[in-house]
Amino acid sequence: MATDGRTGHANSEAAVISGGITINGSIECAGELQINGKITGDVRAVAVFIEVSGSVTGSIVAERVRVAGLVDGEMQVGDLAIEPNGDVRGEIHYGRIKIAAGGFIDGSFARSTADAASRQEQSVKLVPASSTDNPRRMYVDSAIG
């Protein structure tokens, strides 16, 4: 059974690509997609959760993406979260982004606006959290001008 990437609770509505499965081709999912296996091709879903053992080589289009595994390709996402083991490479267009300490990024990152034609390259800097309860946690401020 899949787990909800936001809460960790069981989610019976998510489609799951189990570990040990390799898919060569495009995938479209009307809901949430949890990837523990390997996909070479394009992925389109409402939400995509790429677990530590999961990887996608190709494009991803989704409202929400959480990466704890590997993504190599173009992404167009609303909310992007890169976990400590996450490895993201390629051309990334996002609305909001969170990168946990230890997450790896390499490529072109652009903050998307509601109008795709008005996308602007944004600088990304890590800023320390305002609280000291978790000194390893860093926040991303992508609205640098």
N, C-alpha and C. Protein backbone atom coordinates (compact mmCIF):
# COMPACT_ATOMS: atom_id res chain seq x y z
N MET A 1 0.84 -1.18 0.00
CA MET A 1 0.00 0.00 0.00
C MET A 1 0.89 1.24 0.00
N ALA A 2 0.52 2.25 -0.77
CA ALA A 2 1.28 3.48 -0.87
C ALA A 2 1.09 4.32 0.37
N THR A 3 2.05 5.20 0.62
CA THR A 3 1.91 6.14 1.72
C THR A 3 1.81 7.53 1.16
N ASP A 4 1.05 8.36 1.82
CA ASP A 4 0.90 9.75 1.44
C ASP A 4 2.21 10.46 1.72
N GLY A 5 2.82 11.09 0.72
CA GLY A 5 4.12 11.74 0.87
C GLY A 5 4.11 12.93 1.80
N ARG A 6 2.95 13.47 2.07
CA ARG A 6 2.87 14.62 2.96
C ARG A 6 2.72 14.21 4.40
N THR A 7 1.95 13.14 4.63
CA THR A 7 1.66 12.77 6.01
C THR A 7 2.25 11.44 6.43
N GLY A 8 2.63 10.61 5.44
CA GLY A 8 3.15 9.29 5.76
C GLY A 8 2.07 8.27 6.04
N HIS A 9 0.79 8.67 5.96
CA HIS A 9 -0.32 7.77 6.21
C HIS A 9 -0.63 6.96 4.96
N ALA A 10 -1.19 5.78 5.16
CA ALA A 10 -1.55 4.92 4.03
C ALA A 10 -2.55 5.62 3.13
N ASN A 11 -2.32 5.48 1.82
CA ASN A 11 -3.19 6.09 0.83
C ASN A 11 -3.54 5.03 -0.19
N SER A 12 -4.77 4.52 -0.15
CA SER A 12 -5.16 3.43 -1.02
C SER A 12 -5.43 3.89 -2.45
N GLU A 13 -5.46 5.20 -2.72
CA GLU A 13 -5.75 5.69 -4.05
C GLU A 13 -4.51 5.93 -4.89
N ALA A 14 -3.32 5.85 -4.35
CA ALA A 14 -2.10 6.08 -5.12
C ALA A 14 -1.74 4.84 -5.93
N ALA A 15 -1.32 5.07 -7.17
CA ALA A 15 -0.79 3.98 -7.99
C ALA A 15 0.67 3.79 -7.61
N VAL A 16 1.13 2.55 -7.60
CA VAL A 16 2.49 2.25 -7.14
C VAL A 16 3.26 1.50 -8.22
N ILE A 17 4.47 1.99 -8.50
CA ILE A 17 5.43 1.27 -9.33
C ILE A 17 6.41 0.67 -8.32
N SER A 18 6.30 -0.62 -8.07
CA SER A 18 7.10 -1.28 -7.03
C SER A 18 8.56 -1.40 -7.42
N GLY A 19 9.42 -1.55 -6.39
CA GLY A 19 10.84 -1.79 -6.61
C GLY A 19 11.01 -3.05 -7.44
N GLY A 20 12.02 -3.08 -8.29
CA GLY A 20 12.25 -4.23 -9.15
C GLY A 20 11.53 -4.14 -10.47
N ILE A 21 10.65 -3.16 -10.63
CA ILE A 21 9.93 -2.97 -11.89
C ILE A 21 10.60 -1.86 -12.68
N THR A 22 10.84 -2.12 -13.98
CA THR A 22 11.38 -1.12 -14.88
C THR A 22 10.37 -0.89 -15.99
N ILE A 23 10.02 0.37 -16.23
CA ILE A 23 9.07 0.72 -17.27
C ILE A 23 9.77 1.61 -18.28
N ASN A 24 9.67 1.23 -19.56
CA ASN A 24 10.17 2.04 -20.66
C ASN A 24 8.97 2.56 -21.43
N GLY A 25 8.63 3.83 -21.24
CA GLY A 25 7.46 4.40 -21.88
C GLY A 25 6.82 5.45 -21.01
N SER A 26 5.81 6.09 -21.54
CA SER A 26 5.13 7.18 -20.83
C SER A 26 4.05 6.63 -19.89
N ILE A 27 3.83 7.37 -18.80
CA ILE A 27 2.81 7.01 -17.81
C ILE A 27 1.96 8.23 -17.54
N GLU A 28 0.64 8.05 -17.57
CA GLU A 28 -0.30 9.08 -17.16
C GLU A 28 -1.14 8.52 -16.04
N CYS A 29 -1.26 9.29 -14.96
CA CYS A 29 -2.01 8.84 -13.79
C CYS A 29 -2.96 9.97 -13.39
N ALA A 30 -4.24 9.64 -13.22
CA ALA A 30 -5.24 10.65 -12.87
C ALA A 30 -5.10 11.13 -11.42
N GLY A 31 -4.35 10.42 -10.61
CA GLY A 31 -4.19 10.78 -9.20
C GLY A 31 -2.72 10.82 -8.81
N GLU A 32 -2.42 10.18 -7.67
CA GLU A 32 -1.06 10.15 -7.13
C GLU A 32 -0.32 8.92 -7.62
N LEU A 33 0.98 9.07 -7.83
CA LEU A 33 1.82 7.99 -8.31
C LEU A 33 3.05 7.87 -7.42
N GLN A 34 3.26 6.69 -6.83
CA GLN A 34 4.43 6.43 -6.01
C GLN A 34 5.38 5.56 -6.81
N ILE A 35 6.63 5.99 -6.93
CA ILE A 35 7.61 5.27 -7.76
C ILE A 35 8.71 4.72 -6.87
N ASN A 36 8.78 3.39 -6.79
CA ASN A 36 9.87 2.70 -6.10
C ASN A 36 10.78 2.01 -7.11
N GLY A 37 10.31 1.86 -8.34
CA GLY A 37 11.07 1.21 -9.41
C GLY A 37 11.72 2.24 -10.31
N LYS A 38 11.97 1.84 -11.57
CA LYS A 38 12.66 2.72 -12.51
C LYS A 38 11.77 2.98 -13.72
N ILE A 39 11.70 4.26 -14.11
CA ILE A 39 10.92 4.65 -15.28
C ILE A 39 11.84 5.40 -16.23
N THR A 40 11.84 4.96 -17.49
CA THR A 40 12.51 5.69 -18.55
C THR A 40 11.40 6.13 -19.49
N GLY A 41 11.04 7.39 -19.40
CA GLY A 41 9.92 7.93 -20.17
C GLY A 41 9.28 9.08 -19.43
N ASP A 42 8.21 9.58 -19.97
CA ASP A 42 7.54 10.75 -19.42
C ASP A 42 6.47 10.34 -18.41
N VAL A 43 6.33 11.15 -17.36
CA VAL A 43 5.36 10.89 -16.30
C VAL A 43 4.47 12.11 -16.15
N ARG A 44 3.17 11.88 -16.14
CA ARG A 44 2.19 12.95 -15.91
C ARG A 44 1.21 12.45 -14.87
N ALA A 45 1.06 13.22 -13.76
CA ALA A 45 0.15 12.83 -12.68
C ALA A 45 -0.19 14.07 -11.86
N VAL A 46 -1.16 13.93 -10.97
CA VAL A 46 -1.48 15.02 -10.05
C VAL A 46 -0.32 15.19 -9.07
N ALA A 47 0.15 14.07 -8.51
CA ALA A 47 1.27 14.09 -7.56
C ALA A 47 2.17 12.89 -7.84
N VAL A 48 3.49 13.11 -7.73
CA VAL A 48 4.47 12.04 -7.96
C VAL A 48 5.39 11.99 -6.76
N PHE A 49 5.51 10.77 -6.18
CA PHE A 49 6.40 10.56 -5.04
C PHE A 49 7.47 9.57 -5.48
N ILE A 50 8.70 10.04 -5.62
CA ILE A 50 9.81 9.18 -6.05
C ILE A 50 10.58 8.79 -4.80
N GLU A 51 10.46 7.53 -4.43
CA GLU A 51 11.07 7.03 -3.21
C GLU A 51 12.57 6.81 -3.40
N VAL A 52 13.28 6.48 -2.32
CA VAL A 52 14.74 6.32 -2.34
C VAL A 52 15.19 5.34 -3.42
N SER A 53 14.45 4.26 -3.60
CA SER A 53 14.82 3.26 -4.60
C SER A 53 14.29 3.59 -6.00
N GLY A 54 13.54 4.68 -6.13
CA GLY A 54 12.92 5.03 -7.40
C GLY A 54 13.74 5.97 -8.24
N SER A 55 13.51 5.89 -9.57
CA SER A 55 14.17 6.83 -10.47
C SER A 55 13.31 7.08 -11.69
N VAL A 56 13.43 8.28 -12.23
CA VAL A 56 12.75 8.67 -13.46
C VAL A 56 13.78 9.33 -14.35
N THR A 57 13.92 8.80 -15.57
CA THR A 57 14.74 9.43 -16.60
C THR A 57 13.77 9.84 -17.69
N GLY A 58 13.45 11.12 -17.72
CA GLY A 58 12.46 11.65 -18.64
C GLY A 58 11.77 12.84 -18.01
N SER A 59 10.71 13.31 -18.62
CA SER A 59 10.03 14.50 -18.10
C SER A 59 8.94 14.13 -17.10
N ILE A 60 8.69 15.07 -16.18
CA ILE A 60 7.61 14.92 -15.20
C ILE A 60 6.77 16.19 -15.23
N VAL A 61 5.46 16.02 -15.34
CA VAL A 61 4.52 17.13 -15.23
C VAL A 61 3.53 16.76 -14.12
N ALA A 62 3.50 17.58 -13.06
CA ALA A 62 2.63 17.28 -11.92
C ALA A 62 2.41 18.53 -11.09
N GLU A 63 1.34 18.52 -10.30
CA GLU A 63 1.10 19.61 -9.36
C GLU A 63 2.07 19.54 -8.19
N ARG A 64 2.37 18.30 -7.72
CA ARG A 64 3.27 18.11 -6.58
C ARG A 64 4.24 16.99 -6.90
N VAL A 65 5.51 17.21 -6.55
CA VAL A 65 6.53 16.16 -6.71
C VAL A 65 7.40 16.15 -5.46
N ARG A 66 7.61 14.95 -4.91
CA ARG A 66 8.55 14.76 -3.81
C ARG A 66 9.60 13.77 -4.29
N VAL A 67 10.88 14.16 -4.20
CA VAL A 67 11.97 13.33 -4.70
C VAL A 67 12.87 12.89 -3.56
N ALA A 68 12.90 11.58 -3.31
CA ALA A 68 13.85 11.00 -2.37
C ALA A 68 14.82 10.10 -3.13
N GLY A 69 14.53 9.87 -4.41
CA GLY A 69 15.37 9.04 -5.29
C GLY A 69 16.06 9.90 -6.33
N LEU A 70 15.99 9.50 -7.60
CA LEU A 70 16.69 10.17 -8.69
C LEU A 70 15.73 10.62 -9.77
N VAL A 71 15.90 11.86 -10.23
CA VAL A 71 15.19 12.36 -11.41
C VAL A 71 16.23 12.97 -12.33
N ASP A 72 16.21 12.56 -13.59
CA ASP A 72 17.11 13.11 -14.60
C ASP A 72 16.26 13.47 -15.81
N GLY A 73 15.94 14.76 -15.94
CA GLY A 73 15.11 15.21 -17.05
C GLY A 73 14.40 16.50 -16.74
N GLU A 74 13.48 16.87 -17.59
CA GLU A 74 12.73 18.11 -17.42
C GLU A 74 11.55 17.90 -16.48
N MET A 75 11.31 18.90 -15.61
CA MET A 75 10.14 18.84 -14.71
C MET A 75 9.39 20.15 -14.80
N GLN A 76 8.06 20.04 -14.83
CA GLN A 76 7.17 21.18 -14.72
C GLN A 76 6.24 20.87 -13.57
N VAL A 77 6.48 21.51 -12.41
CA VAL A 77 5.74 21.18 -11.20
C VAL A 77 5.29 22.44 -10.48
N GLY A 78 4.22 22.29 -9.71
CA GLY A 78 3.79 23.37 -8.84
C GLY A 78 4.65 23.40 -7.59
N ASP A 79 4.56 22.35 -6.77
CA ASP A 79 5.35 22.26 -5.54
C ASP A 79 6.37 21.14 -5.70
N LEU A 80 7.63 21.46 -5.46
CA LEU A 80 8.72 20.48 -5.56
C LEU A 80 9.43 20.38 -4.22
N ALA A 81 9.53 19.16 -3.69
CA ALA A 81 10.26 18.91 -2.45
C ALA A 81 11.36 17.89 -2.75
N ILE A 82 12.59 18.26 -2.42
CA ILE A 82 13.73 17.37 -2.61
C ILE A 82 14.20 16.95 -1.23
N GLU A 83 14.10 15.65 -0.97
CA GLU A 83 14.44 15.09 0.34
C GLU A 83 15.96 14.92 0.48
N PRO A 84 16.44 14.58 1.70
CA PRO A 84 17.89 14.46 1.93
C PRO A 84 18.62 13.53 0.96
N ASN A 85 17.99 12.46 0.51
CA ASN A 85 18.63 11.55 -0.45
C ASN A 85 18.27 11.88 -1.89
N GLY A 86 17.44 12.89 -2.10
CA GLY A 86 16.97 13.22 -3.44
C GLY A 86 18.08 13.74 -4.34
N ASP A 87 18.02 13.36 -5.61
CA ASP A 87 19.01 13.74 -6.61
C ASP A 87 18.24 14.19 -7.84
N VAL A 88 18.27 15.50 -8.13
CA VAL A 88 17.50 16.06 -9.24
C VAL A 88 18.46 16.72 -10.21
N ARG A 89 18.36 16.30 -11.49
CA ARG A 89 19.22 16.85 -12.54
C ARG A 89 18.36 17.18 -13.74
N GLY A 90 18.59 18.33 -14.35
CA GLY A 90 17.86 18.67 -15.56
C GLY A 90 17.31 20.07 -15.54
N GLU A 91 16.33 20.30 -16.39
CA GLU A 91 15.68 21.60 -16.52
C GLU A 91 14.39 21.56 -15.69
N ILE A 92 14.34 22.37 -14.64
CA ILE A 92 13.25 22.30 -13.68
C ILE A 92 12.50 23.63 -13.65
N HIS A 93 11.18 23.56 -13.85
CA HIS A 93 10.30 24.72 -13.72
C HIS A 93 9.36 24.42 -12.55
N TYR A 94 9.34 25.30 -11.56
CA TYR A 94 8.58 25.03 -10.33
C TYR A 94 7.85 26.28 -9.88
N GLY A 95 6.82 26.07 -9.09
CA GLY A 95 6.11 27.18 -8.44
C GLY A 95 6.71 27.48 -7.08
N ARG A 96 6.87 26.41 -6.27
CA ARG A 96 7.51 26.51 -4.95
C ARG A 96 8.47 25.34 -4.83
N ILE A 97 9.56 25.57 -4.08
CA ILE A 97 10.56 24.52 -3.95
C ILE A 97 11.05 24.44 -2.51
N LYS A 98 11.31 23.19 -2.06
CA LYS A 98 11.90 22.95 -0.74
C LYS A 98 13.02 21.94 -0.96
N ILE A 99 14.20 22.26 -0.49
CA ILE A 99 15.34 21.36 -0.63
C ILE A 99 15.86 21.06 0.77
N ALA A 100 15.78 19.81 1.17
CA ALA A 100 16.28 19.41 2.49
C ALA A 100 17.80 19.33 2.45
N ALA A 101 18.43 19.53 3.61
CA ALA A 101 19.88 19.39 3.70
C ALA A 101 20.27 18.00 3.22
N GLY A 102 21.22 17.93 2.31
CA GLY A 102 21.65 16.66 1.74
C GLY A 102 21.05 16.38 0.39
N GLY A 103 20.00 17.13 0.02
CA GLY A 103 19.41 16.98 -1.31
C GLY A 103 20.38 17.51 -2.36
N PHE A 104 20.40 16.88 -3.53
CA PHE A 104 21.34 17.26 -4.60
C PHE A 104 20.58 17.80 -5.79
N ILE A 105 21.03 18.95 -6.29
CA ILE A 105 20.43 19.53 -7.49
C ILE A 105 21.52 19.91 -8.47
N ASP A 106 21.25 19.71 -9.76
CA ASP A 106 22.20 20.07 -10.81
C ASP A 106 21.40 20.34 -12.07
N GLY A 107 21.47 21.55 -12.57
CA GLY A 107 20.75 21.86 -13.80
C GLY A 107 20.24 23.28 -13.80
N SER A 108 19.21 23.50 -14.58
CA SER A 108 18.60 24.80 -14.75
C SER A 108 17.30 24.83 -13.95
N PHE A 109 17.18 25.79 -13.05
CA PHE A 109 15.98 25.92 -12.23
C PHE A 109 15.35 27.27 -12.50
N ALA A 110 14.06 27.26 -12.83
CA ALA A 110 13.34 28.50 -13.10
C ALA A 110 12.01 28.47 -12.35
N ARG A 111 11.70 29.55 -11.70
CA ARG A 111 10.43 29.64 -10.98
C ARG A 111 9.34 29.97 -11.99
N SER A 112 8.28 29.19 -11.99
CA SER A 112 7.18 29.38 -12.92
C SER A 112 6.15 30.33 -12.32
N THR A 113 5.52 31.08 -13.18
CA THR A 113 4.38 31.89 -12.77
C THR A 113 3.14 31.30 -13.42
N ALA A 114 1.99 31.88 -13.16
CA ALA A 114 0.75 31.36 -13.74
C ALA A 114 0.82 31.38 -15.26
N ASP A 115 1.52 32.36 -15.83
CA ASP A 115 1.67 32.46 -17.27
C ASP A 115 3.03 31.89 -17.66
N ALA A 116 3.03 30.75 -18.33
CA ALA A 116 4.29 30.09 -18.68
C ALA A 116 5.18 30.97 -19.53
N ALA A 117 4.62 31.88 -20.30
CA ALA A 117 5.42 32.74 -21.17
C ALA A 117 6.23 33.76 -20.38
N SER A 118 5.85 34.00 -19.12
CA SER A 118 6.55 35.01 -18.33
C SER A 118 7.51 34.40 -17.32
N ARG A 119 7.97 33.18 -17.56
CA ARG A 119 8.93 32.55 -16.64
C ARG A 119 10.22 33.35 -16.61
N GLN A 120 10.77 33.50 -15.41
CA GLN A 120 12.02 34.21 -15.25
C GLN A 120 12.98 33.32 -14.47
N GLU A 121 14.26 33.37 -14.84
CA GLU A 121 15.27 32.64 -14.08
C GLU A 121 15.36 33.29 -12.70
N GLN A 122 15.48 32.49 -11.67
CA GLN A 122 15.56 32.98 -10.30
C GLN A 122 16.82 32.43 -9.65
N SER A 123 17.47 33.26 -8.87
CA SER A 123 18.58 32.78 -8.06
C SER A 123 18.01 32.02 -6.88
N VAL A 124 18.74 31.04 -6.42
CA VAL A 124 18.30 30.26 -5.26
C VAL A 124 19.37 30.38 -4.20
N LYS A 125 18.98 30.69 -2.98
CA LYS A 125 19.92 30.71 -1.88
C LYS A 125 19.30 30.00 -0.69
N LEU A 126 20.13 29.40 0.11
CA LEU A 126 19.67 28.76 1.33
C LEU A 126 19.71 29.78 2.45
N VAL A 127 18.66 29.85 3.22
CA VAL A 127 18.62 30.76 4.36
C VAL A 127 18.37 29.95 5.60
N PRO A 128 19.03 30.28 6.71
CA PRO A 128 18.85 29.48 7.93
C PRO A 128 17.43 29.61 8.46
N ALA A 129 16.98 28.54 9.07
CA ALA A 129 15.65 28.54 9.68
C ALA A 129 15.64 29.52 10.84
N SER A 130 14.48 30.11 11.10
CA SER A 130 14.39 31.09 12.18
C SER A 130 14.38 30.43 13.56
N SER A 131 14.06 29.13 13.62
CA SER A 131 14.06 28.48 14.92
C SER A 131 15.30 27.60 15.03
N THR A 132 15.71 27.33 16.24
CA THR A 132 16.90 26.52 16.46
C THR A 132 16.56 25.10 16.87
N ASP A 133 15.28 24.71 16.78
CA ASP A 133 14.90 23.36 17.18
C ASP A 133 15.48 22.30 16.25
N ASN A 134 15.77 22.64 15.02
CA ASN A 134 16.39 21.71 14.08
C ASN A 134 17.43 22.47 13.27
N PRO A 135 18.66 22.55 13.77
CA PRO A 135 19.68 23.38 13.12
C PRO A 135 20.08 22.88 11.73
N ARG A 136 19.77 21.62 11.38
CA ARG A 136 20.13 21.11 10.06
C ARG A 136 19.11 21.51 9.00
N ARG A 137 17.95 21.95 9.40
CA ARG A 137 16.90 22.29 8.44
C ARG A 137 17.20 23.64 7.80
N MET A 138 17.12 23.68 6.50
CA MET A 138 17.36 24.91 5.75
C MET A 138 16.12 25.20 4.90
N TYR A 139 15.88 26.45 4.64
CA TYR A 139 14.76 26.86 3.83
C TYR A 139 15.28 27.57 2.60
N VAL A 140 14.54 27.47 1.52
CA VAL A 140 14.96 28.09 0.26
C VAL A 140 14.16 29.35 0.03
N ASP A 141 14.86 30.42 -0.26
CA ASP A 141 14.23 31.67 -0.62
C ASP A 141 14.50 31.89 -2.09
N SER A 142 13.47 31.66 -2.93
CA SER A 142 13.67 31.77 -4.37
C SER A 142 13.19 33.10 -4.93
N ALA A 143 12.76 33.99 -4.07
CA ALA A 143 12.26 35.28 -4.53
C ALA A 143 13.33 36.36 -4.37
N ILE A 144 14.51 36.07 -4.86
CA ILE A 144 15.63 37.00 -4.74
C ILE A 144 15.63 37.89 -5.97
N GLY A 145 15.81 39.15 -5.78
CA GLY A 145 15.74 40.05 -6.94
C GLY A 145 16.96 40.79 -7.19
